[in-house]
C-alpha atoms as a PDB file:
ATOM      1  CA  MET A   1     -15.003  12.548 -10.593  1.00  0.00           C
ATOM      2  CA  SER A   2     -14.223  10.372 -13.602  1.00  0.00           C
ATOM      3  CA  ASN A   3     -16.001   7.128 -14.319  1.00  0.00           C
ATOM      4  CA  GLY A   4     -12.756   5.177 -14.740  1.00  0.00           C
ATOM      5  CA  ALA A   5     -11.670   5.158 -11.098  1.00  0.00           C
ATOM      6  CA  LEU A   6     -10.508   1.825  -9.706  1.00  0.00           C
ATOM      7  CA  LEU A   7     -10.801   3.201  -6.156  1.00  0.00           C
ATOM      8  CA  ARG A   8     -13.130   6.006  -5.104  1.00  0.00           C
ATOM      9  CA  CYS A   9     -13.884   7.454  -1.676  1.00  0.00           C
ATOM     10  CA  CYS A  10     -16.909   9.725  -1.302  1.00  0.00           C
ATOM     11  CA  GLY A  11     -17.327  11.707   1.917  1.00  0.00           C
ATOM     12  CA  LEU A  12     -15.510   9.003   3.868  1.00  0.00           C
ATOM     13  CA  SER A  13     -15.364   9.578   7.626  1.00  0.00           C
ATOM     14  CA  ALA A  14     -14.117   7.087  10.206  1.00  0.00           C
ATOM     15  CA  ALA A  15     -13.650   6.828  13.955  1.00  0.00           C
ATOM     16  CA  VAL A  16     -11.903   4.620  16.495  1.00  0.00           C
ATOM     17  CA  GLU A  17     -13.448   4.226  19.933  1.00  0.00           C
ATOM     18  CA  GLU A  18     -15.821   7.098  19.072  1.00  0.00           C
ATOM     19  CA  LYS A  19     -12.924   9.451  18.276  1.00  0.00           C
ATOM     20  CA  GLN A  20     -13.276  10.866  14.768  1.00  0.00           C
ATOM     21  CA  ILE A  21     -10.061  10.254  12.793  1.00  0.00           C
ATOM     22  CA  LEU A  22     -11.012  10.780   9.132  1.00  0.00           C
ATOM     23  CA  HIS A  23     -13.217  13.657   7.999  1.00  0.00           C
ATOM     24  CA  GLU A  24     -15.169  13.591   4.719  1.00  0.00           C
ATOM     25  CA  ILE A  25     -12.422  12.182   2.520  1.00  0.00           C
ATOM     26  CA  ASP A  26     -12.987  12.512  -1.230  1.00  0.00           C
ATOM     27  CA  PHE A  27     -10.458  11.076  -3.665  1.00  0.00           C
ATOM     28  CA  GLU A  28     -10.043   8.557  -6.447  1.00  0.00           C
ATOM     29  CA  VAL A  29      -7.319   6.442  -8.040  1.00  0.00           C
ATOM     30  CA  PRO A  30      -7.715   5.432 -11.708  1.00  0.00           C
ATOM     31  CA  GLN A  31      -6.558   2.028 -12.948  1.00  0.00           C
ATOM     32  CA  GLY A  32      -2.856   1.805 -13.776  1.00  0.00           C
ATOM     33  CA  GLU A  33      -1.787   5.040 -12.100  1.00  0.00           C
ATOM     34  CA  VAL A  34       0.667   5.781  -9.288  1.00  0.00           C
ATOM     35  CA  HIS A  35      -0.852   7.968  -6.584  1.00  0.00           C
ATOM     36  CA  VAL A  36       0.892   9.238  -3.473  1.00  0.00           C
ATOM     37  CA  LEU A  37      -0.738  10.089  -0.151  1.00  0.00           C
ATOM     38  CA  MET A  38       1.500  12.472   1.793  1.00  0.00           C
ATOM     39  CA  GLY A  39       1.236  14.318   5.079  1.00  0.00           C
ATOM     40  CA  PRO A  40       3.008  14.873   8.387  1.00  0.00           C
ATOM     41  CA  ASN A  41       3.165  12.188  11.069  1.00  0.00           C
ATOM     42  CA  GLY A  42      -0.232  11.711  12.673  1.00  0.00           C
ATOM     43  CA  ALA A  43      -2.138  13.046   9.665  1.00  0.00           C
ATOM     44  CA  GLY A  44      -4.266   9.896   9.373  1.00  0.00           C
ATOM     45  CA  LYS A  45      -2.572   8.441   6.289  1.00  0.00           C
ATOM     46  CA  SER A  46      -2.073   4.924   7.665  1.00  0.00           C
ATOM     47  CA  THR A  47      -5.553   5.034   9.182  1.00  0.00           C
ATOM     48  CA  LEU A  48      -6.994   5.673   5.728  1.00  0.00           C
ATOM     49  CA  GLY A  49      -5.042   2.703   4.348  1.00  0.00           C
ATOM     50  CA  HIS A  50      -6.466   0.427   7.034  1.00  0.00           C
ATOM     51  CA  VAL A  51      -9.993   1.777   6.584  1.00  0.00           C
ATOM     52  CA  LEU A  52      -9.744   1.097   2.845  1.00  0.00           C
ATOM     53  CA  MET A  53      -8.838  -2.525   3.633  1.00  0.00           C
ATOM     54  CA  GLY A  54     -11.709  -2.922   6.118  1.00  0.00           C
ATOM     55  CA  ASP A  55      -9.745  -3.045   9.381  1.00  0.00           C
ATOM     56  CA  PRO A  56     -12.443  -3.705  12.029  1.00  0.00           C
ATOM     57  CA  VAL A  57     -10.663  -1.450  14.531  1.00  0.00           C
ATOM     58  CA  TYR A  58     -12.156   1.507  12.663  1.00  0.00           C
ATOM     59  CA  ASP A  59     -15.824   2.410  12.272  1.00  0.00           C
ATOM     60  CA  ILE A  60     -16.958   4.125   9.086  1.00  0.00           C
ATOM     61  CA  THR A  61     -19.289   6.869  10.283  1.00  0.00           C
ATOM     62  CA  ALA A  62     -20.157   8.437   6.909  1.00  0.00           C
ATOM     63  CA  GLY A  63     -19.509   8.109   3.202  1.00  0.00           C
ATOM     64  CA  SER A  64     -18.576   5.163   1.021  1.00  0.00           C
ATOM     65  CA  ILE A  65     -15.734   3.250  -0.619  1.00  0.00           C
ATOM     66  CA  GLU A  66     -16.045   1.934  -4.170  1.00  0.00           C
ATOM     67  CA  PHE A  67     -13.573  -0.489  -5.713  1.00  0.00           C
ATOM     68  CA  ASP A  68     -13.628  -1.733  -9.290  1.00  0.00           C
ATOM     69  CA  GLY A  69     -17.173  -0.451  -9.743  1.00  0.00           C
ATOM     70  CA  ALA A  70     -18.638  -2.019  -6.594  1.00  0.00           C
ATOM     71  CA  ASP A  71     -19.480  -0.575  -3.175  1.00  0.00           C
ATOM     72  CA  ILE A  72     -17.167  -2.317  -0.692  1.00  0.00           C
ATOM     73  CA  THR A  73     -17.939  -0.137   2.346  1.00  0.00           C
ATOM     74  CA  GLU A  74     -19.328  -3.109   4.284  1.00  0.00           C
ATOM     75  CA  LEU A  75     -17.029  -5.841   2.969  1.00  0.00           C
ATOM     76  CA  THR A  76     -14.679  -7.731   5.316  1.00  0.00           C
ATOM     77  CA  PRO A  77     -10.896  -7.540   4.739  1.00  0.00           C
ATOM     78  CA  ASP A  78     -10.721 -11.029   3.203  1.00  0.00           C
ATOM     79  CA  LYS A  79     -13.429 -10.142   0.660  1.00  0.00           C
ATOM     80  CA  ARG A  80     -11.570  -6.956  -0.236  1.00  0.00           C
ATOM     81  CA  SER A  81      -8.401  -8.974  -0.728  1.00  0.00           C
ATOM     82  CA  LEU A  82     -10.222 -11.410  -2.989  1.00  0.00           C
ATOM     83  CA  ALA A  83     -11.567  -8.439  -4.955  1.00  0.00           C
ATOM     84  CA  GLY A  84      -7.975  -7.435  -5.702  1.00  0.00           C
ATOM     85  CA  MET A  85      -6.781  -5.125  -2.907  1.00  0.00           C
ATOM     86  CA  PHE A  86      -3.440  -5.440  -1.107  1.00  0.00           C
ATOM     87  CA  LEU A  87      -2.049  -3.543   1.887  1.00  0.00           C
ATOM     88  CA  SER A  88       1.543  -3.623   3.073  1.00  0.00           C
ATOM     89  CA  PHE A  89       2.296  -2.729   6.680  1.00  0.00           C
ATOM     90  CA  GLN A  90       4.791  -0.368   8.280  1.00  0.00           C
ATOM     91  CA  ALA A  91       5.953  -3.261  10.477  1.00  0.00           C
ATOM     92  CA  PRO A  92       5.668  -6.596   8.587  1.00  0.00           C
ATOM     93  CA  VAL A  93       4.628  -9.550  10.753  1.00  0.00           C
ATOM     94  CA  GLU A  94       6.765 -12.450  11.918  1.00  0.00           C
ATOM     95  CA  ILE A  95       5.201 -15.941  11.971  1.00  0.00           C
ATOM     96  CA  PRO A  96       7.411 -18.482  13.784  1.00  0.00           C
ATOM     97  CA  GLY A  97       7.076 -22.040  12.523  1.00  0.00           C
ATOM     98  CA  VAL A  98       5.724 -21.085   9.085  1.00  0.00           C
ATOM     99  CA  PRO A  99       8.252 -21.144   6.229  1.00  0.00           C
ATOM    100  CA  LEU A 100       8.014 -18.206   3.855  1.00  0.00           C
ATOM    101  CA  ARG A 101       7.435 -20.491   0.866  1.00  0.00           C
ATOM    102  CA  SER A 102       4.528 -22.252   2.628  1.00  0.00           C
ATOM    103  CA  PHE A 103       3.017 -18.878   3.505  1.00  0.00           C
ATOM    104  CA  LEU A 104       3.261 -17.729  -0.109  1.00  0.00           C
ATOM    105  CA  ARG A 105       1.643 -20.929  -1.364  1.00  0.00           C
ATOM    106  CA  ALA A 106      -1.249 -20.650   1.100  1.00  0.00           C
ATOM    107  CA  MET A 107      -1.664 -17.016   0.126  1.00  0.00           C
ATOM    108  CA  VAL A 108      -1.852 -17.786  -3.608  1.00  0.00           C
ATOM    109  CA  GLU A 109      -4.172 -20.770  -3.136  1.00  0.00           C
ATOM    110  CA  GLY A 110      -6.377 -18.644  -0.905  1.00  0.00           C
ATOM    111  CA  ARG A 111      -7.012 -16.504  -3.978  1.00  0.00           C
ATOM    112  CA  GLY A 112      -8.221 -19.603  -5.833  1.00  0.00           C
ATOM    113  CA  GLU A 113      -5.085 -20.163  -7.919  1.00  0.00           C
ATOM    114  CA  LYS A 114      -3.641 -23.647  -8.351  1.00  0.00           C
ATOM    115  CA  MET A 115      -0.012 -24.232  -9.265  1.00  0.00           C
ATOM    116  CA  LYS A 116       2.070 -27.405  -9.451  1.00  0.00           C
ATOM    117  CA  ASN A 117       4.772 -27.575  -6.786  1.00  0.00           C
ATOM    118  CA  LYS A 118       7.673 -27.585  -9.265  1.00  0.00           C
ATOM    119  CA  GLU A 119       6.275 -24.550 -11.083  1.00  0.00           C
ATOM    120  CA  PHE A 120       5.602 -22.752  -7.805  1.00  0.00           C
ATOM    121  CA  ARG A 121       9.126 -23.344  -6.496  1.00  0.00           C
ATOM    122  CA  LYS A 122      10.620 -22.188  -9.809  1.00  0.00           C
ATOM    123  CA  GLN A 123       8.535 -18.993  -9.816  1.00  0.00           C
ATOM    124  CA  THR A 124       9.235 -18.045  -6.198  1.00  0.00           C
ATOM    125  CA  LYS A 125      12.977 -18.658  -6.654  1.00  0.00           C
ATOM    126  CA  ALA A 126      13.086 -16.516  -9.810  1.00  0.00           C
ATOM    127  CA  LEU A 127      11.184 -13.660  -8.148  1.00  0.00           C
ATOM    128  CA  ALA A 128      13.391 -13.814  -5.041  1.00  0.00           C
ATOM    129  CA  GLU A 129      16.495 -13.512  -7.207  1.00  0.00           C
ATOM    130  CA  THR A 130      14.950 -10.611  -9.131  1.00  0.00           C
ATOM    131  CA  LEU A 131      14.514  -8.827  -5.800  1.00  0.00           C
ATOM    132  CA  ASP A 132      18.112  -9.580  -4.743  1.00  0.00           C
ATOM    133  CA  MET A 133      16.835 -11.938  -2.060  1.00  0.00           C
ATOM    134  CA  ASP A 134      18.767 -15.101  -1.230  1.00  0.00           C
ATOM    135  CA  PRO A 135      16.379 -17.971  -2.217  1.00  0.00           C
ATOM    136  CA  ALA A 136      17.397 -19.701   1.031  1.00  0.00           C
ATOM    137  CA  TYR A 137      15.097 -17.204   2.775  1.00  0.00           C
ATOM    138  CA  LEU A 138      12.134 -19.004   1.194  1.00  0.00           C
ATOM    139  CA  ASP A 139      12.700 -21.928   3.549  1.00  0.00           C
ATOM    140  CA  ARG A 140      13.130 -19.771   6.658  1.00  0.00           C
ATOM    141  CA  GLU A 141      10.349 -18.900   9.088  1.00  0.00           C
ATOM    142  CA  LEU A 142       8.379 -15.914   7.837  1.00  0.00           C
ATOM    143  CA  GLY A 143      10.043 -12.692   8.990  1.00  0.00           C
ATOM    144  CA  VAL A 144      11.940 -14.325  11.859  1.00  0.00           C
ATOM    145  CA  GLY A 145      15.447 -12.871  12.001  1.00  0.00           C
ATOM    146  CA  PHE A 146      14.902 -10.922   8.780  1.00  0.00           C
ATOM    147  CA  SER A 147      16.361  -7.433   8.535  1.00  0.00           C
ATOM    148  CA  GLY A 148      14.038  -4.525   7.805  1.00  0.00           C
ATOM    149  CA  GLY A 149      15.157  -4.572   4.186  1.00  0.00           C
ATOM    150  CA  GLU A 150      14.541  -8.325   3.820  1.00  0.00           C
ATOM    151  CA  LYS A 151      11.040  -7.937   5.288  1.00  0.00           C
ATOM    152  CA  LYS A 152      10.244  -5.272   2.719  1.00  0.00           C
ATOM    153  CA  LYS A 153      11.559  -7.533  -0.048  1.00  0.00           C
ATOM    154  CA  VAL A 154       9.173 -10.218   1.203  1.00  0.00           C
ATOM    155  CA  GLU A 155       6.319  -7.736   0.822  1.00  0.00           C
ATOM    156  CA  MET A 156       7.375  -7.087  -2.772  1.00  0.00           C
ATOM    157  CA  LEU A 157       7.520 -10.855  -3.306  1.00  0.00           C
ATOM    158  CA  GLN A 158       3.949 -11.171  -2.002  1.00  0.00           C
ATOM    159  CA  LEU A 159       2.864  -8.335  -4.257  1.00  0.00           C
ATOM    160  CA  LEU A 160       4.332  -9.970  -7.364  1.00  0.00           C
ATOM    161  CA  MET A 161       2.843 -13.363  -6.458  1.00  0.00           C
ATOM    162  CA  LEU A 162      -0.659 -12.063  -5.709  1.00  0.00           C
ATOM    163  CA  LYS A 163      -0.848  -9.577  -8.614  1.00  0.00           C
ATOM    164  CA  PRO A 164      -3.591  -7.439  -6.994  1.00  0.00           C
ATOM    165  CA  LYS A 165      -5.441  -4.746  -8.913  1.00  0.00           C
ATOM    166  CA  LEU A 166      -4.496  -2.175  -6.263  1.00  0.00           C
ATOM    167  CA  ALA A 167      -1.489  -2.137  -3.936  1.00  0.00           C
ATOM    168  CA  ILE A 168      -1.604   0.207  -0.942  1.00  0.00           C
ATOM    169  CA  LEU A 169       1.958   0.540   0.346  1.00  0.00           C
ATOM    170  CA  ASP A 170       2.215   2.073   3.802  1.00  0.00           C
ATOM    171  CA  GLU A 171       5.608   3.678   4.549  1.00  0.00           C
ATOM    172  CA  THR A 172       7.371   1.072   2.404  1.00  0.00           C
ATOM    173  CA  ASP A 173      10.586   3.107   2.486  1.00  0.00           C
ATOM    174  CA  SER A 174      10.728   3.275   6.289  1.00  0.00           C
ATOM    175  CA  GLY A 175      14.168   2.346   7.630  1.00  0.00           C
ATOM    176  CA  LEU A 176      15.577   1.169   4.290  1.00  0.00           C
ATOM    177  CA  ASP A 177      19.124   1.786   3.130  1.00  0.00           C
ATOM    178  CA  VAL A 178      19.846   2.902  -0.441  1.00  0.00           C
ATOM    179  CA  ASP A 179      20.307  -0.636  -1.808  1.00  0.00           C
ATOM    180  CA  ALA A 180      17.110  -1.979  -0.244  1.00  0.00           C
ATOM    181  CA  LEU A 181      15.216   1.087  -1.420  1.00  0.00           C
ATOM    182  CA  SER A 182      16.374   0.443  -4.984  1.00  0.00           C
ATOM    183  CA  VAL A 183      15.183  -3.185  -4.809  1.00  0.00           C
ATOM    184  CA  VAL A 184      11.782  -2.205  -3.428  1.00  0.00           C
ATOM    185  CA  SER A 185      11.417   0.384  -6.181  1.00  0.00           C
ATOM    186  CA  ARG A 186      12.241  -2.311  -8.734  1.00  0.00           C
ATOM    187  CA  GLY A 187       9.525  -4.518  -7.230  1.00  0.00           C
ATOM    188  CA  MET A 188       6.996  -1.710  -7.648  1.00  0.00           C
ATOM    189  CA  GLU A 189       7.987  -1.196 -11.273  1.00  0.00           C
ATOM    190  CA  LEU A 190       7.740  -4.934 -11.996  1.00  0.00           C
ATOM    191  CA  TYR A 191       4.286  -4.960 -10.432  1.00  0.00           C
ATOM    192  CA  ARG A 192       3.196  -2.112 -12.692  1.00  0.00           C
ATOM    193  CA  GLU A 193       4.714  -3.656 -15.820  1.00  0.00           C
ATOM    194  CA  GLN A 194       3.635  -7.264 -15.283  1.00  0.00           C
ATOM    195  CA  CYS A 195       0.223  -6.700 -13.706  1.00  0.00           C
ATOM    196  CA  ASP A 196      -0.843  -3.280 -15.035  1.00  0.00           C
ATOM    197  CA  GLY A 197      -0.794  -2.551 -11.313  1.00  0.00           C
ATOM    198  CA  THR A 198      -2.213   0.484  -9.565  1.00  0.00           C
ATOM    199  CA  LEU A 199      -0.280   1.968  -6.639  1.00  0.00           C
ATOM    200  CA  LEU A 200      -1.342   4.095  -3.686  1.00  0.00           C
ATOM    201  CA  ILE A 201       1.853   4.937  -1.793  1.00  0.00           C
ATOM    202  CA  ILE A 202       1.487   6.325   1.723  1.00  0.00           C
ATOM    203  CA  THR A 203       4.513   8.275   2.942  1.00  0.00           C
ATOM    204  CA  HIS A 204       5.777  11.422   4.632  1.00  0.00           C
ATOM    205  CA  ASN A 205       9.183  10.964   3.003  1.00  0.00           C
ATOM    206  CA  THR A 206      10.050  11.674  -0.628  1.00  0.00           C
ATOM    207  CA  ARG A 207      12.950   9.204  -1.024  1.00  0.00           C
ATOM    208  CA  ILE A 208      10.928   6.342  -2.505  1.00  0.00           C
ATOM    209  CA  LEU A 209       9.210   8.688  -4.950  1.00  0.00           C
ATOM    210  CA  GLU A 210      12.463   9.558  -6.708  1.00  0.00           C
ATOM    211  CA  HIS A 211      12.346   6.144  -8.405  1.00  0.00           C
ATOM    212  CA  LEU A 212       8.733   6.328  -9.651  1.00  0.00           C
ATOM    213  CA  ASN A 213       6.658   8.203 -12.197  1.00  0.00           C
ATOM    214  CA  VAL A 214       3.921   9.676 -10.026  1.00  0.00           C
ATOM    215  CA  ASP A 215       0.588  10.613 -11.607  1.00  0.00           C
ATOM    216  CA  ARG A 216      -1.146  12.326  -8.689  1.00  0.00           C
ATOM    217  CA  VAL A 217      -0.357  13.544  -5.169  1.00  0.00           C
ATOM    218  CA  HIS A 218      -2.882  13.853  -2.323  1.00  0.00           C
ATOM    219  CA  VAL A 219      -1.979  15.760   0.848  1.00  0.00           C
ATOM    220  CA  MET A 220      -3.613  14.882   4.163  1.00  0.00           C
ATOM    221  CA  VAL A 221      -3.474  16.859   7.414  1.00  0.00           C
ATOM    222  CA  ALA A 222      -5.425  16.115  10.603  1.00  0.00           C
ATOM    223  CA  GLY A 223      -7.581  13.489   8.901  1.00  0.00           C
ATOM    224  CA  ARG A 224      -8.594  15.782   6.040  1.00  0.00           C
ATOM    225  CA  MET A 225      -7.599  15.955   2.391  1.00  0.00           C
ATOM    226  CA  VAL A 226      -6.239  19.470   2.012  1.00  0.00           C
ATOM    227  CA  ALA A 227      -4.521  19.500  -1.396  1.00  0.00           C
ATOM    228  CA  TYR A 228      -4.236  17.625  -4.677  1.00  0.00           C
ATOM    229  CA  GLY A 229      -1.675  18.026  -7.420  1.00  0.00           C
ATOM    230  CA  THR A 230       0.799  16.584  -9.874  1.00  0.00           C
ATOM    231  CA  ALA A 231       4.272  15.240  -9.102  1.00  0.00           C
ATOM    232  CA  SER A 232       5.546  18.823  -8.859  1.00  0.00           C
ATOM    233  CA  LEU A 233       3.820  18.988  -5.483  1.00  0.00           C
ATOM    234  CA  ILE A 234       6.365  16.470  -4.167  1.00  0.00           C
ATOM    235  CA  GLU A 235       9.224  18.879  -4.909  1.00  0.00           C
ATOM    236  CA  GLU A 236       7.392  21.696  -3.140  1.00  0.00           C
ATOM    237  CA  ILE A 237       6.775  19.558  -0.043  1.00  0.00           C
ATOM    238  CA  ASP A 238      10.364  18.333  -0.100  1.00  0.00           C
ATOM    239  CA  ALA A 239      11.567  21.944  -0.019  1.00  0.00           C
ATOM    240  CA  GLN A 240       8.971  23.547   2.267  1.00  0.00           C
ATOM    241  CA  GLY A 241       7.401  20.752   4.308  1.00  0.00           C
ATOM    242  CA  PHE A 242       3.754  20.643   5.352  1.00  0.00           C
ATOM    243  CA  GLU A 243       3.632  23.836   7.437  1.00  0.00           C
ATOM    244  CA  ARG A 244       1.351  25.838   5.150  1.00  0.00           C
ATOM    245  CA  TYR A 245      -1.139  22.963   4.948  1.00  0.00           C
ATOM    246  CA  GLU A 246      -1.101  22.507   8.716  1.00  0.00           C
ATOM    247  CA  ALA A 247      -1.625  26.262   9.186  1.00  0.00           C
ATOM    248  CA  ALA A 248      -4.626  26.226   6.845  1.00  0.00           C
ATOM    249  CA  VAL A 249      -6.268  23.416   8.802  1.00  0.00           C
ATOM    250  CA  ALA A 250      -5.585  25.230  12.084  1.00  0.00           C
ATOM    251  CA  ILE A 251      -7.336  28.332  10.758  1.00  0.00           C
ATOM    252  CA  ASP A 252     -10.398  26.280   9.794  1.00  0.00           C
END
C-alpha cells in the first residue's frame, strides 16, 4: 500500500451482536481521489461506512483503521468527525423544532469555526442557491416535509459547509430524479474543487457515477472485498451485474 493514503483499512473485521459482518477488509483511499464501493444489496457496503465512522452498533473484531496518518480504530464518532470525516445516510434524519440554518450553524461551530451571523447567512443562502434549493428551506425545520431530493441537497449543503477531508456518501443517488441527481453531482464536484475533497461513494447503482471522474472501484460481496479496478469496472458491472463475484465467494 502507498504511504499517501488518507484512509487505510488493514485486515478490518467487524460484527454486530456477535454475527460477523465484515471479513478482513483491506483497502485505501488517497487524498483527493474519488473511490467507489460497489456490490449487491446486503454486501456489507453501508456497514463498512458506519464502521469507518465509529458507529457503536458494530464491534471491530480484528484489524485497524487509519485516517490522515493516525490510528482511529478506537475513536468515537465525534472525534472522527473532528478529524475530518463525514458520512451521509441513506435516509437523512428529520429534527422537528430545529431550523435547518440553526442546525448548520451548530454543526460548523461544533468544528471550532466562528462566523459572524451576517456572513453565515450570506454563505448559506449562496450555497443553497448553487444547489438549486429555495433559501426559504433554511428557515424550515430540518428535513420535516422535505422531499427525498431536498433532503439530499441538504446533505450536500452540510458537506460544503463542513469541508471535511473525506466524505463517505452512502447511496446518495437513492430515489433521486434526474434533476436532483444532477444537483447532487454538482455538490460533489464543488466539494472536490473547493476543498480538495476526497470521496468514497457507496452504491449498487451506476447512475451517480456517470457524472464523476472515478479513480478507483472496490467491489464487495458478503462482507469481503473481492475485486479492485479502474472506472472501466463500472461499465462491466453495469452490463453484467455482480453474479460472477457472488459465484466466486460462494465457491470459497
